[in-house]
N, C-alpha and C. Protein backbone atom coordinates (compact mmCIF):
# COMPACT_ATOMS: atom_id res chain seq x y z
N MET A 1 30.80 -15.63 15.07
CA MET A 1 29.84 -15.52 14.12
C MET A 1 28.15 -14.78 14.62
N THR A 2 27.74 -13.89 13.89
CA THR A 2 26.78 -13.32 14.57
C THR A 2 25.22 -14.07 13.83
N PRO A 3 24.36 -14.17 14.72
CA PRO A 3 23.15 -14.97 14.27
C PRO A 3 22.73 -14.76 12.93
N VAL A 4 21.97 -15.59 12.46
CA VAL A 4 21.11 -15.08 11.04
C VAL A 4 20.22 -13.83 11.00
N ARG A 5 20.34 -12.85 10.56
CA ARG A 5 19.39 -11.84 10.65
C ARG A 5 18.46 -12.08 9.38
N TYR A 6 17.18 -11.70 9.53
CA TYR A 6 16.44 -11.83 8.34
C TYR A 6 16.17 -10.54 7.89
N PRO A 7 15.58 -9.96 6.53
CA PRO A 7 15.40 -8.97 6.11
C PRO A 7 14.33 -8.28 7.05
N ARG A 8 14.47 -6.98 7.14
CA ARG A 8 13.45 -6.35 7.88
C ARG A 8 11.94 -6.51 7.62
N HIS A 9 11.69 -6.50 6.14
CA HIS A 9 10.46 -6.73 5.89
C HIS A 9 9.63 -8.08 6.30
N ARG A 10 10.60 -9.10 6.57
CA ARG A 10 10.10 -10.36 6.56
C ARG A 10 9.94 -10.58 8.27
N ALA A 11 10.83 -9.78 8.91
CA ALA A 11 10.78 -9.96 10.63
C ALA A 11 9.83 -9.16 10.94
N ALA A 12 9.47 -7.95 10.50
CA ALA A 12 8.44 -7.36 11.00
C ALA A 12 7.16 -7.60 10.54
N PRO A 13 5.72 -7.49 11.65
CA PRO A 13 4.49 -7.95 11.06
C PRO A 13 4.00 -6.63 10.06
N ALA A 14 3.17 -7.32 9.31
CA ALA A 14 2.74 -6.29 8.27
C ALA A 14 2.13 -5.18 8.44
N ARG A 15 1.57 -5.62 9.82
CA ARG A 15 0.32 -4.54 10.28
C ARG A 15 1.17 -3.33 10.40
N ARG A 16 2.23 -3.15 11.28
CA ARG A 16 3.13 -2.12 11.71
C ARG A 16 3.82 -1.33 10.58
N SER A 17 3.14 -0.29 10.59
CA SER A 17 3.94 0.87 9.58
C SER A 17 4.74 1.71 10.23
N SER A 18 6.30 1.82 9.47
CA SER A 18 7.28 2.42 10.40
C SER A 18 7.30 3.84 9.48
N GLY A 19 7.21 4.77 10.24
CA GLY A 19 7.21 6.07 9.78
C GLY A 19 6.50 6.71 9.18
N GLY A 20 5.08 6.05 9.05
CA GLY A 20 3.91 6.71 8.59
C GLY A 20 3.85 6.23 6.76
N ALA A 21 4.48 5.23 6.87
CA ALA A 21 4.60 4.56 5.27
C ALA A 21 3.46 4.18 4.82
N MET A 22 2.85 4.30 3.66
CA MET A 22 1.50 3.89 3.28
C MET A 22 1.68 2.40 2.77
N SER A 23 0.59 2.02 3.43
CA SER A 23 0.38 0.29 2.76
C SER A 23 0.33 0.35 1.53
N PRO A 24 0.77 -0.82 0.57
CA PRO A 24 0.33 -1.10 -0.56
C PRO A 24 -1.15 -0.92 -1.04
N LEU A 25 -1.84 -1.35 0.04
CA LEU A 25 -3.41 -1.33 -0.26
C LEU A 25 -3.80 0.15 -0.12
N VAL A 26 -3.43 0.96 0.43
CA VAL A 26 -3.89 2.49 0.59
C VAL A 26 -3.37 3.08 -0.43
N PHE A 27 -2.13 2.79 -0.73
CA PHE A 27 -1.74 3.48 -2.11
C PHE A 27 -2.44 3.07 -3.45
N VAL A 28 -2.69 1.89 -3.48
CA VAL A 28 -3.68 1.40 -4.72
C VAL A 28 -4.73 1.94 -4.62
N LEU A 29 -5.70 1.93 -3.56
CA LEU A 29 -6.90 2.59 -3.34
C LEU A 29 -6.94 4.27 -3.70
N LEU A 30 -5.71 4.94 -3.04
CA LEU A 30 -5.78 6.32 -3.41
C LEU A 30 -5.69 6.34 -5.06
N ILE A 31 -5.04 5.49 -5.54
CA ILE A 31 -4.66 5.60 -7.23
C ILE A 31 -5.97 5.20 -7.63
N THR A 32 -6.95 4.03 -7.41
CA THR A 32 -8.09 3.42 -8.09
C THR A 32 -9.19 4.28 -7.85
N VAL A 33 -9.58 4.61 -6.56
CA VAL A 33 -11.00 5.23 -6.50
C VAL A 33 -11.21 6.56 -7.25
N PRO A 34 -10.14 7.42 -7.47
CA PRO A 34 -10.41 8.81 -8.38
C PRO A 34 -10.75 8.42 -9.52
N ALA A 35 -9.64 7.48 -10.23
CA ALA A 35 -9.76 6.79 -11.62
C ALA A 35 -11.23 6.33 -11.90
N VAL A 36 -11.67 5.64 -10.76
CA VAL A 36 -13.00 4.94 -11.03
C VAL A 36 -14.21 6.07 -10.92
N VAL A 37 -14.16 6.87 -9.84
CA VAL A 37 -15.02 7.99 -9.85
C VAL A 37 -14.91 9.02 -11.22
N ALA A 38 -13.96 8.94 -11.73
CA ALA A 38 -13.57 9.79 -13.18
C ALA A 38 -14.33 9.33 -14.10
N VAL A 39 -14.00 8.05 -14.37
CA VAL A 39 -14.53 7.22 -15.63
C VAL A 39 -16.16 7.47 -15.54
N ALA A 40 -16.61 7.11 -13.86
CA ALA A 40 -17.93 6.97 -13.91
C ALA A 40 -18.47 8.42 -14.35
N ALA A 41 -17.82 9.50 -13.85
CA ALA A 41 -18.53 10.90 -14.36
C ALA A 41 -18.43 11.20 -15.83
N LEU A 42 -17.28 10.58 -16.17
CA LEU A 42 -17.11 11.12 -18.02
C LEU A 42 -17.88 10.25 -18.73
N ARG A 43 -18.71 9.20 -18.03
CA ARG A 43 -19.21 8.07 -18.91
C ARG A 43 -20.51 8.66 -19.68
N PRO A 44 -20.73 8.65 -20.88
CA PRO A 44 -21.70 9.12 -21.44
C PRO A 44 -23.26 8.24 -20.82
N ARG A 45 -24.20 9.36 -20.56
CA ARG A 45 -25.28 8.59 -20.05
C ARG A 45 -26.16 8.31 -21.11
């Protein structure tokens, strides 16, 4: 029997990004920041 193998996302540290994959935080910031800027720019003064 082979030893128990955990899923890769559990075994690998969260800080290491494989293949230049975006972390969820960076992805959320890329979506949120332009939206906030657009809302601030279109806001009636």
